[in-house]
Amino acid sequence: MPYKPGSLDESDRSLSYRLMWLGLPDSLVLFLAVLAGYQTIATVTAGFAAGTMLVAFNAADEFVERQVSVAARWAASAAGVCLILVTFPGFRDYSWDPALMLAGIAVIFQVTLAWQRLKDR
């Protein structure tokens, strides 16, 4: 196999795979920080949650891509439910916090990804 400069080797793929585990506790802290109103903690953890999701979406092999694909479908479904709740006339009376919804979507993505990773061991 020819050498490609800048391509990930086995240790890089292993590191990115291990770093994705940080997304679950981070997204849970993000959700709780938004719920409790701790804006500084929410801002920092939102950056880490976005970073772990970017690492996940740049998966280096098909095995991880399948796991991320399932998690992304669940997150997209949660986003669709959020949109329905915001636009449905019966639910417009409630004040929906967009940050809380996004944190919930991040939790759903990370929980689903963790479930897929544990199931596929």
N, C-alpha and C. Protein backbone atom coordinates (compact mmCIF):
# COMPACT_ATOMS: atom_id res chain seq x y z
N MET A 1 0.84 -1.16 0.00
CA MET A 1 0.00 0.00 0.00
C MET A 1 0.90 1.24 0.00
N PRO A 2 0.68 2.17 -0.92
CA PRO A 2 1.55 3.35 -1.01
C PRO A 2 1.30 4.30 0.16
N TYR A 3 2.36 5.00 0.49
CA TYR A 3 2.29 5.96 1.58
C TYR A 3 1.55 7.22 1.12
N LYS A 4 0.58 7.68 1.91
CA LYS A 4 -0.15 8.90 1.62
C LYS A 4 0.12 9.88 2.76
N PRO A 5 0.83 10.94 2.50
CA PRO A 5 1.11 11.91 3.57
C PRO A 5 -0.19 12.50 4.12
N GLY A 6 -0.26 12.62 5.43
CA GLY A 6 -1.43 13.20 6.06
C GLY A 6 -2.56 12.22 6.33
N SER A 7 -2.43 10.98 5.87
CA SER A 7 -3.48 10.01 6.14
C SER A 7 -3.32 9.45 7.55
N LEU A 8 -4.44 9.01 8.11
CA LEU A 8 -4.42 8.48 9.48
C LEU A 8 -3.82 7.09 9.51
N ASP A 9 -2.97 6.85 10.48
CA ASP A 9 -2.46 5.49 10.67
C ASP A 9 -3.27 4.83 11.79
N GLU A 10 -2.90 3.64 12.15
CA GLU A 10 -3.67 2.87 13.13
C GLU A 10 -3.74 3.56 14.49
N SER A 11 -2.64 4.15 14.94
CA SER A 11 -2.65 4.81 16.24
C SER A 11 -3.54 6.06 16.22
N ASP A 12 -3.59 6.78 15.10
CA ASP A 12 -4.47 7.95 14.98
C ASP A 12 -5.93 7.53 15.01
N ARG A 13 -6.27 6.46 14.29
CA ARG A 13 -7.65 5.97 14.29
C ARG A 13 -8.05 5.49 15.67
N SER A 14 -7.14 4.81 16.36
CA SER A 14 -7.42 4.32 17.71
C SER A 14 -7.64 5.49 18.68
N LEU A 15 -6.83 6.52 18.56
CA LEU A 15 -6.98 7.69 19.42
C LEU A 15 -8.31 8.39 19.16
N SER A 16 -8.68 8.58 17.92
CA SER A 16 -9.96 9.24 17.63
C SER A 16 -11.13 8.39 18.10
N TYR A 17 -11.00 7.07 17.99
CA TYR A 17 -12.06 6.18 18.47
C TYR A 17 -12.21 6.28 19.99
N ARG A 18 -11.08 6.38 20.70
CA ARG A 18 -11.14 6.52 22.16
C ARG A 18 -11.65 7.89 22.57
N LEU A 19 -11.29 8.93 21.84
CA LEU A 19 -11.73 10.28 22.17
C LEU A 19 -13.24 10.45 22.04
N MET A 20 -13.85 9.66 21.17
CA MET A 20 -15.29 9.76 21.01
C MET A 20 -16.05 9.37 22.27
N TRP A 21 -15.42 8.57 23.15
CA TRP A 21 -16.07 8.20 24.41
C TRP A 21 -16.28 9.41 25.31
N LEU A 22 -15.48 10.46 25.14
CA LEU A 22 -15.63 11.67 25.95
C LEU A 22 -16.91 12.42 25.64
N GLY A 23 -17.50 12.16 24.50
CA GLY A 23 -18.70 12.88 24.09
C GLY A 23 -19.91 12.61 24.97
N LEU A 24 -20.06 11.38 25.46
CA LEU A 24 -21.23 11.05 26.26
C LEU A 24 -21.25 11.79 27.59
N PRO A 25 -20.22 11.69 28.44
CA PRO A 25 -20.29 12.44 29.69
C PRO A 25 -20.31 13.95 29.45
N ASP A 26 -19.63 14.40 28.41
CA ASP A 26 -19.62 15.82 28.11
C ASP A 26 -21.01 16.31 27.72
N SER A 27 -21.71 15.57 26.88
CA SER A 27 -23.04 16.01 26.47
C SER A 27 -24.03 15.95 27.64
N LEU A 28 -23.84 15.01 28.56
CA LEU A 28 -24.69 14.98 29.74
C LEU A 28 -24.44 16.20 30.64
N VAL A 29 -23.18 16.57 30.80
CA VAL A 29 -22.85 17.78 31.57
C VAL A 29 -23.41 19.01 30.86
N LEU A 30 -23.33 19.04 29.54
CA LEU A 30 -23.89 20.15 28.77
C LEU A 30 -25.39 20.27 29.02
N PHE A 31 -26.10 19.17 28.94
CA PHE A 31 -27.55 19.18 29.15
C PHE A 31 -27.89 19.68 30.55
N LEU A 32 -27.18 19.18 31.56
CA LEU A 32 -27.45 19.61 32.93
C LEU A 32 -27.07 21.07 33.15
N ALA A 33 -25.99 21.53 32.51
CA ALA A 33 -25.58 22.93 32.66
C ALA A 33 -26.59 23.87 32.03
N VAL A 34 -27.12 23.50 30.87
CA VAL A 34 -28.15 24.33 30.24
C VAL A 34 -29.41 24.32 31.08
N LEU A 35 -29.76 23.16 31.61
CA LEU A 35 -30.96 23.03 32.44
C LEU A 35 -30.84 23.86 33.72
N ALA A 36 -29.65 23.88 34.31
CA ALA A 36 -29.43 24.61 35.56
C ALA A 36 -29.09 26.08 35.33
N GLY A 37 -28.79 26.46 34.09
CA GLY A 37 -28.49 27.85 33.80
C GLY A 37 -27.05 28.27 33.99
N TYR A 38 -26.13 27.31 34.05
CA TYR A 38 -24.70 27.62 34.17
C TYR A 38 -24.13 27.87 32.77
N GLN A 39 -24.15 29.13 32.34
CA GLN A 39 -23.79 29.47 30.97
C GLN A 39 -22.31 29.22 30.65
N THR A 40 -21.43 29.47 31.61
CA THR A 40 -20.00 29.27 31.35
C THR A 40 -19.70 27.80 31.11
N ILE A 41 -20.24 26.95 31.97
CA ILE A 41 -20.03 25.49 31.81
C ILE A 41 -20.69 25.02 30.52
N ALA A 42 -21.87 25.55 30.22
CA ALA A 42 -22.56 25.15 28.99
C ALA A 42 -21.76 25.54 27.76
N THR A 43 -21.15 26.71 27.78
CA THR A 43 -20.37 27.15 26.63
C THR A 43 -19.15 26.26 26.41
N VAL A 44 -18.44 25.94 27.48
CA VAL A 44 -17.25 25.10 27.36
C VAL A 44 -17.62 23.69 26.91
N THR A 45 -18.62 23.11 27.55
CA THR A 45 -19.00 21.74 27.20
C THR A 45 -19.63 21.67 25.81
N ALA A 46 -20.28 22.75 25.36
CA ALA A 46 -20.82 22.75 23.99
C ALA A 46 -19.69 22.67 22.97
N GLY A 47 -18.60 23.33 23.25
CA GLY A 47 -17.44 23.24 22.36
C GLY A 47 -16.88 21.83 22.30
N PHE A 48 -16.77 21.19 23.46
CA PHE A 48 -16.28 19.81 23.48
C PHE A 48 -17.27 18.86 22.80
N ALA A 49 -18.56 19.07 23.03
CA ALA A 49 -19.56 18.21 22.39
C ALA A 49 -19.50 18.35 20.88
N ALA A 50 -19.36 19.58 20.40
CA ALA A 50 -19.25 19.79 18.96
C ALA A 50 -17.97 19.15 18.43
N GLY A 51 -16.88 19.24 19.20
CA GLY A 51 -15.62 18.64 18.77
C GLY A 51 -15.69 17.13 18.67
N THR A 52 -16.32 16.49 19.66
CA THR A 52 -16.43 15.03 19.59
C THR A 52 -17.35 14.60 18.46
N MET A 53 -18.37 15.42 18.16
CA MET A 53 -19.23 15.08 17.03
C MET A 53 -18.49 15.25 15.71
N LEU A 54 -17.63 16.26 15.62
CA LEU A 54 -16.82 16.42 14.41
C LEU A 54 -15.84 15.27 14.22
N VAL A 55 -15.26 14.81 15.33
CA VAL A 55 -14.38 13.64 15.26
C VAL A 55 -15.18 12.43 14.80
N ALA A 56 -16.39 12.29 15.32
CA ALA A 56 -17.23 11.15 14.94
C ALA A 56 -17.60 11.19 13.46
N PHE A 57 -17.93 12.37 12.95
CA PHE A 57 -18.34 12.47 11.55
C PHE A 57 -17.19 12.36 10.58
N ASN A 58 -15.97 12.44 11.07
CA ASN A 58 -14.79 12.22 10.23
C ASN A 58 -14.18 10.86 10.53
N ALA A 59 -15.05 9.87 10.63
CA ALA A 59 -14.61 8.52 10.97
C ALA A 59 -13.65 7.99 9.91
N ALA A 60 -12.70 7.21 10.40
CA ALA A 60 -11.63 6.75 9.52
C ALA A 60 -11.92 5.40 8.86
N ASP A 61 -12.93 4.69 9.31
CA ASP A 61 -13.20 3.39 8.70
C ASP A 61 -14.71 3.14 8.64
N GLU A 62 -15.10 2.11 7.89
CA GLU A 62 -16.52 1.84 7.67
C GLU A 62 -17.22 1.35 8.93
N PHE A 63 -16.51 0.69 9.81
CA PHE A 63 -17.10 0.18 11.04
C PHE A 63 -17.62 1.35 11.89
N VAL A 64 -16.79 2.36 12.07
CA VAL A 64 -17.20 3.53 12.86
C VAL A 64 -18.22 4.34 12.09
N GLU A 65 -18.10 4.42 10.78
CA GLU A 65 -19.07 5.16 9.98
C GLU A 65 -20.48 4.60 10.15
N ARG A 66 -20.62 3.28 10.22
CA ARG A 66 -21.93 2.67 10.43
C ARG A 66 -22.49 3.05 11.79
N GLN A 67 -21.65 3.04 12.81
CA GLN A 67 -22.11 3.41 14.15
C GLN A 67 -22.53 4.88 14.19
N VAL A 68 -21.75 5.74 13.59
CA VAL A 68 -22.06 7.17 13.57
C VAL A 68 -23.33 7.42 12.74
N SER A 69 -23.51 6.65 11.69
CA SER A 69 -24.70 6.80 10.85
C SER A 69 -25.97 6.52 11.64
N VAL A 70 -25.97 5.47 12.45
CA VAL A 70 -27.14 5.17 13.27
C VAL A 70 -27.38 6.28 14.28
N ALA A 71 -26.33 6.76 14.93
CA ALA A 71 -26.46 7.84 15.91
C ALA A 71 -26.96 9.12 15.24
N ALA A 72 -26.47 9.40 14.03
CA ALA A 72 -26.90 10.61 13.32
C ALA A 72 -28.38 10.52 12.93
N ARG A 73 -28.84 9.33 12.57
CA ARG A 73 -30.27 9.18 12.25
C ARG A 73 -31.13 9.44 13.47
N TRP A 74 -30.71 8.95 14.63
CA TRP A 74 -31.46 9.21 15.86
C TRP A 74 -31.45 10.69 16.20
N ALA A 75 -30.31 11.34 16.04
CA ALA A 75 -30.21 12.77 16.33
C ALA A 75 -31.07 13.58 15.35
N ALA A 76 -31.08 13.20 14.08
CA ALA A 76 -31.91 13.90 13.10
C ALA A 76 -33.39 13.69 13.41
N SER A 77 -33.75 12.50 13.87
CA SER A 77 -35.14 12.25 14.28
C SER A 77 -35.52 13.12 15.46
N ALA A 78 -34.61 13.26 16.42
CA ALA A 78 -34.87 14.12 17.57
C ALA A 78 -35.02 15.58 17.14
N ALA A 79 -34.21 16.01 16.18
CA ALA A 79 -34.34 17.37 15.67
C ALA A 79 -35.70 17.57 14.99
N GLY A 80 -36.15 16.56 14.27
CA GLY A 80 -37.47 16.63 13.65
C GLY A 80 -38.58 16.73 14.66
N VAL A 81 -38.48 15.97 15.74
CA VAL A 81 -39.48 16.05 16.81
C VAL A 81 -39.47 17.44 17.44
N CYS A 82 -38.27 17.99 17.64
CA CYS A 82 -38.16 19.35 18.20
C CYS A 82 -38.83 20.37 17.28
N LEU A 83 -38.62 20.23 15.98
CA LEU A 83 -39.25 21.15 15.03
C LEU A 83 -40.77 21.02 15.05
N ILE A 84 -41.25 19.80 15.17
CA ILE A 84 -42.70 19.60 15.25
C ILE A 84 -43.25 20.25 16.52
N LEU A 85 -42.55 20.07 17.64
CA LEU A 85 -43.02 20.65 18.90
C LEU A 85 -43.05 22.18 18.84
N VAL A 86 -42.07 22.76 18.18
CA VAL A 86 -42.00 24.23 18.11
C VAL A 86 -43.06 24.79 17.18
N THR A 87 -43.39 24.08 16.11
CA THR A 87 -44.31 24.63 15.12
C THR A 87 -45.75 24.15 15.28
N PHE A 88 -45.99 23.10 16.03
CA PHE A 88 -47.34 22.59 16.20
C PHE A 88 -48.14 23.57 17.06
N PRO A 89 -49.34 23.96 16.61
CA PRO A 89 -50.08 25.00 17.34
C PRO A 89 -50.36 24.66 18.80
N GLY A 90 -50.57 23.42 19.13
CA GLY A 90 -50.86 23.06 20.50
C GLY A 90 -49.68 23.23 21.46
N PHE A 91 -48.47 23.25 20.91
CA PHE A 91 -47.28 23.36 21.75
C PHE A 91 -46.64 24.75 21.71
N ARG A 92 -47.22 25.67 20.96
CA ARG A 92 -46.65 27.01 20.86
C ARG A 92 -46.79 27.81 22.15
N ASP A 93 -47.68 27.40 23.02
CA ASP A 93 -47.88 28.13 24.27
C ASP A 93 -46.69 27.99 25.22
N TYR A 94 -45.91 26.94 25.05
CA TYR A 94 -44.75 26.71 25.91
C TYR A 94 -43.54 27.45 25.36
N SER A 95 -42.65 27.85 26.25
CA SER A 95 -41.41 28.48 25.78
C SER A 95 -40.35 27.38 25.65
N TRP A 96 -39.93 27.12 24.45
CA TRP A 96 -38.95 26.07 24.17
C TRP A 96 -37.58 26.71 24.10
N ASP A 97 -36.67 26.25 24.93
CA ASP A 97 -35.31 26.77 24.95
C ASP A 97 -34.49 26.06 23.87
N PRO A 98 -34.03 26.79 22.86
CA PRO A 98 -33.27 26.15 21.78
C PRO A 98 -31.98 25.50 22.28
N ALA A 99 -31.32 26.11 23.26
CA ALA A 99 -30.08 25.52 23.78
C ALA A 99 -30.37 24.18 24.45
N LEU A 100 -31.48 24.09 25.15
CA LEU A 100 -31.85 22.82 25.79
C LEU A 100 -32.18 21.76 24.74
N MET A 101 -32.85 22.18 23.68
CA MET A 101 -33.15 21.22 22.61
C MET A 101 -31.88 20.72 21.94
N LEU A 102 -30.96 21.63 21.66
CA LEU A 102 -29.70 21.21 21.03
C LEU A 102 -28.88 20.32 21.95
N ALA A 103 -28.87 20.64 23.25
CA ALA A 103 -28.16 19.78 24.20
C ALA A 103 -28.82 18.40 24.26
N GLY A 104 -30.14 18.36 24.20
CA GLY A 104 -30.84 17.08 24.17
C GLY A 104 -30.53 16.26 22.93
N ILE A 105 -30.41 16.94 21.79
CA ILE A 105 -30.04 16.25 20.56
C ILE A 105 -28.62 15.70 20.66
N ALA A 106 -27.72 16.47 21.29
CA ALA A 106 -26.35 15.98 21.48
C ALA A 106 -26.33 14.76 22.39
N VAL A 107 -27.16 14.78 23.44
CA VAL A 107 -27.24 13.62 24.34
C VAL A 107 -27.76 12.41 23.59
N ILE A 108 -28.80 12.60 22.79
CA ILE A 108 -29.36 11.48 22.02
C ILE A 108 -28.32 10.90 21.06
N PHE A 109 -27.58 11.78 20.39
CA PHE A 109 -26.53 11.31 19.49
C PHE A 109 -25.49 10.49 20.25
N GLN A 110 -25.00 11.03 21.36
CA GLN A 110 -23.92 10.36 22.10
C GLN A 110 -24.39 9.07 22.77
N VAL A 111 -25.62 9.05 23.29
CA VAL A 111 -26.14 7.82 23.91
C VAL A 111 -26.30 6.74 22.84
N THR A 112 -26.83 7.11 21.69
CA THR A 112 -26.99 6.14 20.61
C THR A 112 -25.63 5.63 20.12
N LEU A 113 -24.67 6.54 20.00
CA LEU A 113 -23.33 6.13 19.58
C LEU A 113 -22.70 5.18 20.60
N ALA A 114 -22.84 5.50 21.88
CA ALA A 114 -22.30 4.61 22.92
C ALA A 114 -23.00 3.25 22.89
N TRP A 115 -24.31 3.26 22.69
CA TRP A 115 -25.05 1.99 22.60
C TRP A 115 -24.55 1.16 21.42
N GLN A 116 -24.37 1.78 20.27
CA GLN A 116 -23.87 1.06 19.10
C GLN A 116 -22.47 0.51 19.34
N ARG A 117 -21.64 1.30 19.99
CA ARG A 117 -20.26 0.86 20.24
C ARG A 117 -20.22 -0.31 21.22
N LEU A 118 -21.06 -0.27 22.24
CA LEU A 118 -21.10 -1.38 23.21
C LEU A 118 -21.74 -2.61 22.56
N LYS A 119 -22.73 -2.41 21.73
CA LYS A 119 -23.40 -3.55 21.09
C LYS A 119 -22.48 -4.25 20.10
N ASP A 120 -21.64 -3.49 19.41
CA ASP A 120 -20.77 -4.05 18.37
C ASP A 120 -19.44 -4.56 18.88
N ARG A 121 -19.24 -4.62 20.16
CA ARG A 121 -17.95 -5.11 20.70
C ARG A 121 -17.79 -6.58 20.45
